[in-house]
N, C-alpha and C. Protein backbone atom coordinates (compact mmCIF):
# COMPACT_ATOMS: atom_id res chain seq x y z
N HIS A 1 -171.32 37.54 27.00
CA HIS A 1 -172.35 36.49 27.22
C HIS A 1 -172.70 35.79 25.89
N GLY A 2 -172.98 34.50 25.97
CA GLY A 2 -173.35 33.69 24.73
C GLY A 2 -174.63 34.25 24.06
N SER A 3 -175.47 34.95 24.81
CA SER A 3 -176.70 35.41 24.15
C SER A 3 -176.46 36.67 23.35
N MET A 4 -175.35 37.33 23.60
CA MET A 4 -174.98 38.56 22.85
C MET A 4 -173.54 38.47 22.42
N PRO A 5 -173.13 37.47 21.61
CA PRO A 5 -171.73 37.37 21.29
C PRO A 5 -171.09 38.53 20.46
N PHE A 6 -171.99 39.27 19.91
CA PHE A 6 -171.48 40.43 19.10
C PHE A 6 -170.80 41.52 20.00
N LEU A 7 -171.02 41.40 21.30
CA LEU A 7 -170.40 42.33 22.16
C LEU A 7 -168.91 41.92 22.55
N GLY A 8 -168.54 40.76 22.15
CA GLY A 8 -167.23 40.27 22.51
C GLY A 8 -166.37 39.79 21.33
N VAL A 9 -165.28 39.33 21.55
CA VAL A 9 -164.35 38.77 20.60
C VAL A 9 -164.06 37.30 20.95
N ASN A 10 -164.43 36.40 20.07
CA ASN A 10 -164.46 34.99 20.38
C ASN A 10 -163.01 34.46 19.95
N ALA A 11 -162.25 34.11 20.96
CA ALA A 11 -160.83 33.62 20.72
C ALA A 11 -160.81 32.36 19.93
N VAL A 12 -161.77 31.43 20.10
CA VAL A 12 -161.79 30.26 19.36
C VAL A 12 -161.95 30.47 17.86
N GLU A 13 -162.83 31.40 17.58
CA GLU A 13 -163.05 31.80 16.11
C GLU A 13 -161.77 32.40 15.56
N LEU A 14 -161.06 33.19 16.37
CA LEU A 14 -159.84 33.79 15.86
C LEU A 14 -158.78 32.73 15.63
N MET A 15 -158.80 31.72 16.54
CA MET A 15 -157.75 30.63 16.32
C MET A 15 -158.05 29.93 15.00
N GLY A 16 -159.28 29.90 14.57
CA GLY A 16 -159.66 29.28 13.30
C GLY A 16 -158.96 29.96 12.16
N ARG A 17 -158.66 31.27 12.29
CA ARG A 17 -158.02 32.04 11.25
C ARG A 17 -156.53 31.51 11.18
N VAL A 18 -155.91 31.27 12.33
CA VAL A 18 -154.56 30.73 12.42
C VAL A 18 -154.50 29.37 11.74
N LEU A 19 -155.45 28.49 12.06
CA LEU A 19 -155.48 27.14 11.52
C LEU A 19 -155.68 27.19 9.98
N ASN A 20 -156.54 28.02 9.55
CA ASN A 20 -156.86 28.16 8.12
C ASN A 20 -155.58 28.62 7.41
N HIS A 21 -154.89 29.57 7.93
CA HIS A 21 -153.66 30.12 7.29
C HIS A 21 -152.58 28.99 7.20
N ILE A 22 -152.48 28.26 8.26
CA ILE A 22 -151.51 27.15 8.26
C ILE A 22 -151.87 26.10 7.20
N ASP A 23 -153.17 25.82 7.09
CA ASP A 23 -153.63 24.81 6.14
C ASP A 23 -153.51 25.29 4.70
N THR A 24 -153.69 26.52 4.44
CA THR A 24 -153.65 27.07 3.07
C THR A 24 -152.33 27.54 2.61
N HIS A 25 -151.42 27.87 3.61
CA HIS A 25 -150.14 28.43 3.18
C HIS A 25 -148.94 27.62 3.64
N LEU A 26 -148.96 27.29 4.98
CA LEU A 26 -147.74 26.70 5.57
C LEU A 26 -147.65 25.21 5.17
N HIS A 27 -148.81 24.49 5.27
CA HIS A 27 -148.74 23.03 4.99
C HIS A 27 -148.22 22.75 3.55
N PRO A 28 -148.73 23.50 2.61
CA PRO A 28 -148.29 23.33 1.18
C PRO A 28 -146.83 23.53 1.10
N ALA A 29 -146.23 24.54 1.78
CA ALA A 29 -144.88 24.87 1.75
C ALA A 29 -144.01 23.75 2.33
N LEU A 30 -144.47 23.15 3.45
CA LEU A 30 -143.81 22.14 4.14
C LEU A 30 -143.73 20.84 3.35
N SER A 31 -144.76 20.65 2.60
CA SER A 31 -144.90 19.35 1.93
C SER A 31 -143.85 19.11 0.80
N VAL A 32 -143.25 20.26 0.34
CA VAL A 32 -142.25 20.14 -0.73
C VAL A 32 -140.80 20.23 -0.16
N ARG A 33 -140.71 20.25 1.18
CA ARG A 33 -139.35 20.26 1.73
C ARG A 33 -138.99 18.83 2.22
N SER A 34 -137.78 18.35 1.89
CA SER A 34 -137.31 17.05 2.26
C SER A 34 -135.96 17.07 2.67
N THR A 35 -135.57 16.08 3.48
CA THR A 35 -134.25 15.91 3.95
C THR A 35 -133.44 14.89 3.15
N ASP A 36 -132.16 15.04 3.16
CA ASP A 36 -131.28 13.98 2.49
C ASP A 36 -130.97 12.91 3.54
N MET A 37 -131.35 13.05 4.86
CA MET A 37 -131.09 12.01 5.80
C MET A 37 -131.92 10.76 5.52
N PRO A 38 -131.39 9.53 5.85
CA PRO A 38 -132.08 8.39 5.69
C PRO A 38 -133.17 8.11 6.76
N VAL A 39 -134.15 8.96 6.83
CA VAL A 39 -135.16 8.89 7.83
C VAL A 39 -136.16 7.75 7.47
N GLU A 40 -136.55 7.04 8.43
CA GLU A 40 -137.52 6.01 8.34
C GLU A 40 -138.71 6.28 9.24
N PRO A 41 -139.95 6.11 8.70
CA PRO A 41 -140.30 5.72 7.33
C PRO A 41 -139.99 6.85 6.34
N PRO A 42 -139.92 6.60 5.05
CA PRO A 42 -139.58 7.58 4.03
C PRO A 42 -140.53 8.75 4.11
N GLU A 43 -141.84 8.49 4.44
CA GLU A 43 -142.79 9.63 4.43
C GLU A 43 -142.43 10.70 5.43
N ALA A 44 -141.65 10.27 6.43
CA ALA A 44 -141.30 11.25 7.48
C ALA A 44 -139.99 12.12 7.07
N ARG A 45 -139.60 11.99 5.86
CA ARG A 45 -138.44 12.77 5.36
C ARG A 45 -138.84 14.17 4.95
N ARG A 46 -140.11 14.46 5.13
CA ARG A 46 -140.63 15.83 4.79
C ARG A 46 -140.92 16.61 6.17
N ALA A 47 -140.86 17.87 6.05
CA ALA A 47 -141.13 18.71 7.23
C ALA A 47 -142.60 18.61 7.49
N THR A 48 -142.98 18.46 8.76
CA THR A 48 -144.37 18.37 9.14
C THR A 48 -144.75 19.31 10.28
N LEU A 49 -146.07 19.56 10.39
CA LEU A 49 -146.60 20.35 11.48
C LEU A 49 -147.98 19.66 11.89
N ASN A 50 -147.98 19.17 13.08
CA ASN A 50 -149.15 18.56 13.60
C ASN A 50 -149.83 19.39 14.69
N ILE A 51 -151.10 19.53 14.64
CA ILE A 51 -151.81 20.23 15.72
C ILE A 51 -152.18 19.25 16.81
N ASN A 52 -151.41 19.25 17.89
CA ASN A 52 -151.55 18.29 18.99
C ASN A 52 -152.81 18.52 19.81
N GLY A 53 -153.22 19.73 19.93
CA GLY A 53 -154.37 20.04 20.74
C GLY A 53 -154.81 21.49 20.67
N ILE A 54 -156.13 21.73 20.94
CA ILE A 54 -156.71 23.03 21.01
C ILE A 54 -157.54 23.06 22.31
N HIS A 55 -157.34 24.20 22.98
CA HIS A 55 -158.13 24.36 24.26
C HIS A 55 -158.65 25.80 24.36
N GLY A 56 -159.98 26.00 24.54
CA GLY A 56 -160.45 27.27 24.67
C GLY A 56 -161.94 27.29 25.01
N GLY A 57 -162.29 28.36 25.70
CA GLY A 57 -163.70 28.48 26.10
C GLY A 57 -164.15 27.55 27.19
N GLN A 58 -165.37 27.10 27.13
CA GLN A 58 -165.98 26.22 28.15
C GLN A 58 -165.29 24.87 28.14
N THR A 59 -165.11 24.30 29.31
CA THR A 59 -164.61 22.94 29.43
C THR A 59 -165.81 21.96 29.15
N GLN A 60 -165.46 20.71 28.95
CA GLN A 60 -166.49 19.77 28.66
C GLN A 60 -167.27 19.35 29.95
N ALA A 61 -166.55 19.29 31.04
CA ALA A 61 -167.25 18.92 32.29
C ALA A 61 -167.86 20.09 33.00
N GLY A 62 -168.85 19.84 33.83
CA GLY A 62 -169.44 20.89 34.59
C GLY A 62 -170.70 21.54 33.95
N VAL A 63 -171.25 22.47 34.63
CA VAL A 63 -172.43 23.19 34.14
C VAL A 63 -172.04 24.11 32.99
N GLY A 64 -172.99 24.25 32.09
CA GLY A 64 -172.72 25.13 30.91
C GLY A 64 -172.43 26.59 31.26
N THR A 65 -171.47 27.16 30.59
CA THR A 65 -171.14 28.55 30.84
C THR A 65 -171.29 29.39 29.52
N PRO A 66 -172.43 29.93 29.29
CA PRO A 66 -172.69 30.63 28.01
C PRO A 66 -171.90 31.87 27.83
N CYS A 67 -170.58 31.80 27.75
CA CYS A 67 -169.72 32.93 27.64
C CYS A 67 -169.00 32.98 26.31
N VAL A 68 -168.60 34.03 25.79
CA VAL A 68 -167.73 34.15 24.62
C VAL A 68 -166.41 33.82 25.03
N ALA A 69 -165.70 32.94 24.33
CA ALA A 69 -164.38 32.45 24.77
C ALA A 69 -163.40 33.53 24.68
N ASP A 70 -162.69 33.82 25.81
CA ASP A 70 -161.77 34.98 25.83
C ASP A 70 -160.34 34.54 25.55
N ARG A 71 -160.12 33.25 25.47
CA ARG A 71 -158.77 32.78 25.06
C ARG A 71 -158.83 31.41 24.47
N CYS A 72 -157.82 31.10 23.59
CA CYS A 72 -157.77 29.84 23.03
C CYS A 72 -156.29 29.49 22.78
N THR A 73 -155.91 28.33 23.15
CA THR A 73 -154.57 27.83 23.04
C THR A 73 -154.36 26.66 22.04
N ALA A 74 -153.39 26.73 21.26
CA ALA A 74 -153.16 25.60 20.26
C ALA A 74 -151.75 25.12 20.56
N ILE A 75 -151.60 23.82 20.52
CA ILE A 75 -150.23 23.23 20.64
C ILE A 75 -149.79 22.59 19.35
N PHE A 76 -148.72 23.08 18.77
CA PHE A 76 -148.20 22.65 17.54
C PHE A 76 -146.95 21.73 17.75
N ASP A 77 -146.86 20.67 16.97
CA ASP A 77 -145.70 19.82 16.93
C ASP A 77 -145.08 19.97 15.54
N ARG A 78 -144.02 20.75 15.58
CA ARG A 78 -143.36 21.02 14.25
C ARG A 78 -142.04 20.24 14.21
N ARG A 79 -142.08 19.16 13.36
CA ARG A 79 -140.84 18.36 13.20
C ARG A 79 -140.05 18.98 12.04
N PHE A 80 -139.01 19.61 12.46
CA PHE A 80 -138.19 20.25 11.37
C PHE A 80 -136.98 19.34 10.91
N LEU A 81 -136.50 19.62 9.74
CA LEU A 81 -135.46 18.80 9.13
C LEU A 81 -134.13 19.28 9.58
N LYS A 82 -133.15 18.45 9.35
CA LYS A 82 -131.73 18.76 9.71
C LYS A 82 -131.29 20.00 8.89
N GLU A 83 -131.86 20.15 7.69
CA GLU A 83 -131.50 21.31 6.77
C GLU A 83 -132.18 22.55 7.17
N GLU A 84 -133.07 22.55 8.11
CA GLU A 84 -133.78 23.74 8.59
C GLU A 84 -133.22 24.19 9.94
N SER A 85 -133.27 25.45 10.22
CA SER A 85 -132.90 25.99 11.50
C SER A 85 -134.13 26.21 12.39
N PHE A 86 -133.96 26.01 13.69
CA PHE A 86 -135.01 26.32 14.62
C PHE A 86 -135.53 27.71 14.48
N GLU A 87 -134.61 28.66 14.37
CA GLU A 87 -134.95 30.12 14.26
C GLU A 87 -135.84 30.30 13.09
N THR A 88 -135.55 29.80 11.90
CA THR A 88 -136.35 29.91 10.71
C THR A 88 -137.70 29.30 10.87
N VAL A 89 -137.77 28.09 11.48
CA VAL A 89 -138.95 27.38 11.70
C VAL A 89 -139.91 28.13 12.56
N ARG A 90 -139.38 28.71 13.69
CA ARG A 90 -140.20 29.56 14.60
C ARG A 90 -140.68 30.80 13.96
N GLN A 91 -139.82 31.39 13.11
CA GLN A 91 -140.18 32.64 12.47
C GLN A 91 -141.40 32.39 11.51
N GLU A 92 -141.44 31.26 10.92
CA GLU A 92 -142.60 30.96 10.03
C GLU A 92 -143.93 31.14 10.76
N ILE A 93 -143.99 30.60 12.03
CA ILE A 93 -145.19 30.61 12.77
C ILE A 93 -145.42 32.07 13.23
N SER A 94 -144.35 32.69 13.64
CA SER A 94 -144.47 34.08 14.14
C SER A 94 -145.02 35.07 12.98
N ASP A 95 -144.48 34.82 11.82
CA ASP A 95 -144.96 35.62 10.72
C ASP A 95 -146.44 35.49 10.40
N ILE A 96 -146.94 34.33 10.63
CA ILE A 96 -148.41 34.12 10.44
C ILE A 96 -149.22 34.87 11.45
N LEU A 97 -148.74 34.90 12.62
CA LEU A 97 -149.42 35.66 13.73
C LEU A 97 -149.30 37.20 13.46
N THR A 98 -148.17 37.58 12.98
CA THR A 98 -147.93 39.00 12.61
C THR A 98 -148.90 39.45 11.51
N TYR A 99 -148.99 38.63 10.47
CA TYR A 99 -149.84 38.84 9.32
C TYR A 99 -151.31 39.06 9.80
N LEU A 100 -151.76 38.11 10.65
CA LEU A 100 -153.15 38.16 11.10
C LEU A 100 -153.42 39.34 11.97
N LYS A 101 -152.41 39.71 12.79
CA LYS A 101 -152.55 40.96 13.56
C LYS A 101 -152.70 42.22 12.73
N MET A 102 -152.03 42.21 11.56
CA MET A 102 -152.13 43.38 10.65
C MET A 102 -153.44 43.40 10.00
N ARG A 103 -154.02 42.22 9.64
CA ARG A 103 -155.23 42.08 8.93
C ARG A 103 -156.45 42.31 9.75
N HIS A 104 -156.35 41.89 11.05
CA HIS A 104 -157.46 41.86 11.89
C HIS A 104 -157.08 42.63 13.27
N THR A 105 -157.79 43.78 13.45
CA THR A 105 -157.44 44.57 14.67
C THR A 105 -157.84 43.83 15.98
N ASP A 106 -158.81 42.90 15.88
CA ASP A 106 -159.24 42.23 17.15
C ASP A 106 -158.40 41.00 17.45
N PHE A 107 -157.39 40.71 16.64
CA PHE A 107 -156.55 39.55 16.76
C PHE A 107 -155.32 39.82 17.70
N LYS A 108 -155.17 39.11 18.74
CA LYS A 108 -154.01 39.18 19.62
C LYS A 108 -153.49 37.79 19.85
N ALA A 109 -152.16 37.57 19.79
CA ALA A 109 -151.64 36.26 20.03
C ALA A 109 -150.14 36.33 20.48
N GLU A 110 -149.81 35.31 21.22
CA GLU A 110 -148.46 35.12 21.69
C GLU A 110 -147.93 33.76 21.32
N LEU A 111 -146.67 33.67 21.05
CA LEU A 111 -146.04 32.35 20.70
C LEU A 111 -144.93 32.05 21.74
N SER A 112 -145.08 30.86 22.28
CA SER A 112 -144.04 30.39 23.26
C SER A 112 -143.63 28.94 22.94
N ASP A 113 -142.42 28.58 23.35
CA ASP A 113 -141.87 27.21 23.02
C ASP A 113 -142.02 26.38 24.26
N LEU A 114 -142.66 25.23 24.09
CA LEU A 114 -142.86 24.25 25.11
C LEU A 114 -141.62 23.27 25.24
N MET A 115 -141.11 22.84 24.05
CA MET A 115 -139.92 21.99 24.01
C MET A 115 -139.24 22.12 22.70
N VAL A 116 -137.92 22.30 22.73
CA VAL A 116 -137.20 22.42 21.51
C VAL A 116 -136.14 21.28 21.48
N VAL A 117 -136.14 20.56 20.43
CA VAL A 117 -135.15 19.41 20.26
C VAL A 117 -134.44 19.60 18.95
N HIS A 118 -133.14 19.69 19.05
CA HIS A 118 -132.39 19.81 17.78
C HIS A 118 -131.86 18.43 17.39
N PRO A 119 -131.63 18.21 16.10
CA PRO A 119 -131.24 16.92 15.55
C PRO A 119 -129.95 16.50 16.08
N VAL A 120 -129.78 15.18 16.34
CA VAL A 120 -128.49 14.63 16.89
C VAL A 120 -128.08 13.57 15.90
N GLU A 121 -126.76 13.56 15.56
CA GLU A 121 -126.29 12.55 14.68
C GLU A 121 -124.90 12.09 15.13
N THR A 122 -124.68 10.84 15.17
CA THR A 122 -123.32 10.25 15.44
C THR A 122 -122.61 9.72 14.23
N ASP A 123 -121.39 10.07 14.14
CA ASP A 123 -120.52 9.67 13.00
C ASP A 123 -120.46 8.13 12.91
N LYS A 124 -120.69 7.60 11.70
CA LYS A 124 -120.65 6.18 11.50
C LYS A 124 -119.33 5.49 11.76
N GLU A 125 -118.23 6.30 11.74
CA GLU A 125 -116.89 5.78 11.93
C GLU A 125 -116.48 5.64 13.36
N THR A 126 -117.36 6.01 14.34
CA THR A 126 -117.01 5.96 15.76
C THR A 126 -116.94 4.56 16.22
N ASP A 127 -116.29 4.34 17.37
CA ASP A 127 -116.17 2.97 17.89
C ASP A 127 -117.55 2.36 18.23
N LEU A 128 -118.44 3.14 18.79
CA LEU A 128 -119.70 2.62 19.20
C LEU A 128 -120.43 2.12 18.01
N VAL A 129 -120.51 2.93 16.94
CA VAL A 129 -121.27 2.53 15.73
C VAL A 129 -120.73 1.36 15.03
N GLN A 130 -119.36 1.38 14.98
CA GLN A 130 -118.74 0.26 14.27
C GLN A 130 -118.77 -1.09 14.95
N THR A 131 -118.62 -0.93 16.35
CA THR A 131 -118.74 -2.07 17.12
C THR A 131 -120.14 -2.72 17.16
N THR A 132 -121.10 -1.83 17.29
CA THR A 132 -122.51 -2.31 17.21
C THR A 132 -122.90 -2.91 15.90
N ALA A 133 -122.39 -2.39 14.86
CA ALA A 133 -122.63 -2.93 13.42
C ALA A 133 -122.00 -4.26 13.29
N ARG A 134 -120.74 -4.42 13.84
CA ARG A 134 -120.09 -5.71 13.76
C ARG A 134 -120.77 -6.75 14.52
N THR A 135 -121.27 -6.34 15.73
CA THR A 135 -121.99 -7.28 16.58
C THR A 135 -123.29 -7.77 15.90
N ILE A 136 -123.99 -6.82 15.23
CA ILE A 136 -125.30 -7.17 14.65
C ILE A 136 -124.95 -8.19 13.46
N ARG A 137 -123.89 -7.97 12.79
CA ARG A 137 -123.58 -8.95 11.75
C ARG A 137 -123.22 -10.30 12.29
N ASP A 138 -122.49 -10.32 13.42
CA ASP A 138 -122.15 -11.60 13.97
C ASP A 138 -123.31 -12.31 14.66
N VAL A 139 -124.16 -11.59 15.40
CA VAL A 139 -125.29 -12.22 16.08
C VAL A 139 -126.44 -12.45 15.29
N LEU A 140 -126.86 -11.52 14.33
CA LEU A 140 -128.01 -11.67 13.52
C LEU A 140 -127.85 -12.13 12.15
N GLN A 141 -126.53 -12.21 11.76
CA GLN A 141 -126.23 -12.65 10.42
C GLN A 141 -126.89 -11.80 9.40
N THR A 142 -126.91 -10.45 9.57
CA THR A 142 -127.42 -9.49 8.71
C THR A 142 -126.68 -8.20 8.73
N SER A 143 -126.77 -7.39 7.66
CA SER A 143 -126.00 -6.12 7.61
C SER A 143 -126.86 -5.13 8.26
N PRO A 144 -126.41 -4.28 9.17
CA PRO A 144 -127.21 -3.25 9.86
C PRO A 144 -127.62 -2.10 8.87
N GLU A 145 -128.70 -1.41 9.17
CA GLU A 145 -129.07 -0.21 8.35
C GLU A 145 -128.81 0.96 9.20
N TYR A 146 -128.21 2.01 8.60
CA TYR A 146 -128.01 3.24 9.30
C TYR A 146 -129.14 4.16 8.95
N ILE A 147 -130.02 4.47 9.90
CA ILE A 147 -131.15 5.31 9.56
C ILE A 147 -131.26 6.44 10.56
N ALA A 148 -132.12 7.34 10.28
CA ALA A 148 -132.40 8.43 11.22
C ALA A 148 -133.96 8.38 11.59
N SER A 149 -134.22 8.82 12.77
CA SER A 149 -135.59 8.74 13.20
C SER A 149 -136.27 10.12 13.30
N PRO A 150 -137.52 10.22 12.92
CA PRO A 150 -138.30 11.53 13.02
C PRO A 150 -138.76 11.82 14.46
N GLY A 151 -138.56 10.75 15.35
CA GLY A 151 -138.85 10.93 16.74
C GLY A 151 -137.77 11.63 17.59
N THR A 152 -138.09 11.69 18.91
CA THR A 152 -137.15 12.34 19.80
C THR A 152 -136.92 11.25 20.93
N TYR A 153 -135.63 10.94 21.20
CA TYR A 153 -135.27 9.92 22.20
C TYR A 153 -134.46 10.64 23.33
N ASP A 154 -134.34 9.89 24.42
CA ASP A 154 -133.69 10.46 25.56
C ASP A 154 -132.09 10.61 25.31
N HIS A 155 -131.63 9.96 24.20
CA HIS A 155 -130.23 10.11 23.97
C HIS A 155 -129.76 11.55 23.57
N LYS A 156 -130.78 12.38 23.20
CA LYS A 156 -130.45 13.72 22.91
C LYS A 156 -129.87 14.43 24.17
N HIS A 157 -130.39 14.00 25.41
CA HIS A 157 -129.86 14.58 26.66
C HIS A 157 -128.48 14.06 26.94
N VAL A 158 -128.20 12.86 26.60
CA VAL A 158 -126.84 12.24 26.75
C VAL A 158 -125.85 13.07 25.84
N PHE A 159 -126.33 13.28 24.60
CA PHE A 159 -125.51 14.02 23.66
C PHE A 159 -125.28 15.48 23.96
N ASN A 160 -126.37 16.20 24.21
CA ASN A 160 -126.36 17.60 24.45
C ASN A 160 -125.89 18.09 25.84
N ILE A 161 -126.49 17.40 26.80
CA ILE A 161 -126.16 17.77 28.23
C ILE A 161 -124.94 17.00 28.73
N GLY A 162 -124.85 15.74 28.48
CA GLY A 162 -123.75 14.92 28.95
C GLY A 162 -122.52 15.01 28.14
N HIS A 163 -122.65 15.61 26.87
CA HIS A 163 -121.53 15.78 26.03
C HIS A 163 -120.83 14.42 25.64
N VAL A 164 -121.71 13.39 25.55
CA VAL A 164 -121.25 12.10 25.00
C VAL A 164 -121.55 12.00 23.57
N ASP A 165 -120.52 12.18 22.74
CA ASP A 165 -120.73 12.30 21.25
C ASP A 165 -121.02 11.05 20.56
N GLN A 166 -120.66 9.86 21.26
CA GLN A 166 -120.98 8.60 20.70
C GLN A 166 -122.28 8.05 21.37
N CYS A 167 -123.41 8.24 20.65
CA CYS A 167 -124.66 7.89 21.23
C CYS A 167 -125.62 7.51 20.10
N ILE A 168 -126.22 6.30 20.17
CA ILE A 168 -127.13 5.89 19.13
C ILE A 168 -128.38 5.32 19.72
N ALA A 169 -129.35 5.13 18.90
CA ALA A 169 -130.63 4.49 19.35
C ALA A 169 -130.66 3.15 18.75
N TYR A 170 -130.75 2.09 19.50
CA TYR A 170 -130.92 0.67 19.09
C TYR A 170 -131.75 -0.08 20.00
N GLY A 171 -132.55 -0.93 19.39
CA GLY A 171 -133.42 -1.77 20.26
C GLY A 171 -134.29 -2.69 19.41
N PRO A 172 -135.14 -3.46 20.09
CA PRO A 172 -135.91 -4.48 19.36
C PRO A 172 -137.21 -3.87 18.83
N GLY A 173 -137.88 -4.65 17.95
CA GLY A 173 -139.16 -4.22 17.43
C GLY A 173 -139.06 -3.90 15.94
N LEU A 174 -140.26 -3.87 15.28
CA LEU A 174 -140.41 -3.46 13.86
C LEU A 174 -140.86 -2.03 13.87
N LEU A 175 -140.19 -1.18 13.04
CA LEU A 175 -140.46 0.22 13.01
C LEU A 175 -141.91 0.51 12.58
N HIS A 176 -142.40 -0.28 11.60
CA HIS A 176 -143.76 0.03 11.11
C HIS A 176 -144.92 -0.28 12.12
N LEU A 177 -144.47 -0.91 13.19
CA LEU A 177 -145.51 -1.26 14.31
C LEU A 177 -145.46 -0.15 15.37
N ALA A 178 -144.49 0.69 15.33
CA ALA A 178 -144.40 1.77 16.32
C ALA A 178 -145.54 2.74 16.26
N HIS A 179 -146.05 3.18 17.38
CA HIS A 179 -147.12 4.15 17.50
C HIS A 179 -148.42 3.70 16.91
N GLN A 180 -148.63 2.46 16.79
CA GLN A 180 -149.87 1.85 16.26
C GLN A 180 -150.80 1.40 17.43
N PRO A 181 -152.07 1.32 17.08
CA PRO A 181 -153.00 0.84 18.15
C PRO A 181 -152.62 -0.60 18.66
N ASP A 182 -152.11 -1.39 17.69
CA ASP A 182 -151.74 -2.76 18.15
C ASP A 182 -150.21 -2.94 18.27
N GLU A 183 -149.57 -1.89 18.65
CA GLU A 183 -148.09 -1.99 18.74
C GLU A 183 -147.56 -3.15 19.70
N TYR A 184 -146.58 -3.90 19.18
CA TYR A 184 -146.07 -4.99 20.05
C TYR A 184 -144.63 -5.27 19.59
N CYS A 185 -143.99 -6.02 20.36
CA CYS A 185 -142.56 -6.44 20.14
C CYS A 185 -142.56 -7.98 20.31
N GLU A 186 -142.00 -8.66 19.28
CA GLU A 186 -141.88 -10.04 19.44
C GLU A 186 -140.77 -10.46 20.45
N ILE A 187 -140.99 -11.44 21.21
CA ILE A 187 -140.06 -11.95 22.25
C ILE A 187 -138.75 -12.23 21.64
N GLU A 188 -138.73 -12.84 20.46
CA GLU A 188 -137.49 -13.26 19.81
C GLU A 188 -136.64 -12.02 19.44
N HIS A 189 -137.36 -10.95 19.05
CA HIS A 189 -136.65 -9.71 18.72
C HIS A 189 -136.04 -9.16 19.93
N LEU A 190 -136.70 -9.20 21.04
CA LEU A 190 -136.23 -8.73 22.38
C LEU A 190 -134.89 -9.44 22.74
N ILE A 191 -134.96 -10.73 22.66
CA ILE A 191 -133.83 -11.54 23.00
C ILE A 191 -132.64 -11.28 22.07
N GLN A 192 -132.87 -11.15 20.83
CA GLN A 192 -131.80 -10.87 19.82
C GLN A 192 -131.15 -9.49 20.15
N SER A 193 -131.97 -8.47 20.43
CA SER A 193 -131.43 -7.19 20.65
C SER A 193 -130.57 -7.18 22.02
N CYS A 194 -131.08 -7.87 22.97
CA CYS A 194 -130.35 -8.01 24.29
C CYS A 194 -128.96 -8.62 24.04
N LYS A 195 -128.94 -9.64 23.17
CA LYS A 195 -127.61 -10.32 22.85
C LYS A 195 -126.66 -9.26 22.23
N VAL A 196 -127.24 -8.51 21.30
CA VAL A 196 -126.45 -7.55 20.50
C VAL A 196 -125.89 -6.48 21.53
N MET A 197 -126.72 -5.96 22.35
CA MET A 197 -126.30 -4.91 23.32
C MET A 197 -125.33 -5.45 24.30
N ALA A 198 -125.53 -6.61 24.73
CA ALA A 198 -124.66 -7.19 25.77
C ALA A 198 -123.24 -7.47 25.19
N LEU A 199 -123.19 -8.10 23.99
CA LEU A 199 -121.94 -8.40 23.31
C LEU A 199 -121.23 -7.03 22.88
N THR A 200 -121.99 -6.08 22.53
CA THR A 200 -121.36 -4.84 22.10
C THR A 200 -120.73 -4.13 23.33
N ALA A 201 -121.43 -4.24 24.42
CA ALA A 201 -120.85 -3.63 25.67
C ALA A 201 -119.57 -4.33 26.06
N MET A 202 -119.60 -5.67 25.96
CA MET A 202 -118.41 -6.49 26.34
C MET A 202 -117.19 -6.10 25.44
N ARG A 203 -117.45 -5.95 24.14
CA ARG A 203 -116.40 -5.58 23.23
C ARG A 203 -115.86 -4.23 23.42
N LEU A 204 -116.72 -3.28 23.68
CA LEU A 204 -116.31 -1.91 24.00
C LEU A 204 -115.52 -1.79 25.29
N LEU A 205 -115.83 -2.64 26.28
CA LEU A 205 -115.11 -2.71 27.57
C LEU A 205 -113.87 -3.50 27.42
N GLY A 206 -113.66 -4.28 26.38
CA GLY A 206 -112.50 -5.09 26.19
C GLY A 206 -112.53 -6.36 26.96
N THR A 207 -113.72 -6.83 27.29
CA THR A 207 -113.82 -8.05 28.08
C THR A 207 -114.15 -9.28 27.23
């Protein structure tokens, strides 16, 4: 009960120990790791860990429940680099939990994976990439940039499940506007990208 919290173990407070350890130990370690891939924006070339959410104890809605929180869940978004392995990345989090279990007898925790996405890369010499690049030069009168994204697209399913090894992400819009409060795409950019995709498809189909 909230009036006698000393009789229980507060899971939210224990989660604070996890977050503190991540902030003081893991975040500094991640900040010095970088990839050789041409990721855009450049700031995303470093390994990152974002705390997407924390849930524990009383919910915001409803009547107050003066109880000591018996559980607390945190959702982490760990964007790992091509040079890192998923197993190593996961072990880093697991090691933190193991360390805290050894230091605090009242600490109990489990680690589970909600979604795992491995990096996907298409060879620049493939027909798809070469044809798309040629079409961009012809339609837009500019040389294409070959970049990597820190995000995750549906083409990972095409690559990994569909076994289509020629798969790229291409479309309209300016990258620096993505994921912003005022995100938008100019109509002209949309028209241009449609022309590029249509002509690329025609060339690949031999029409």
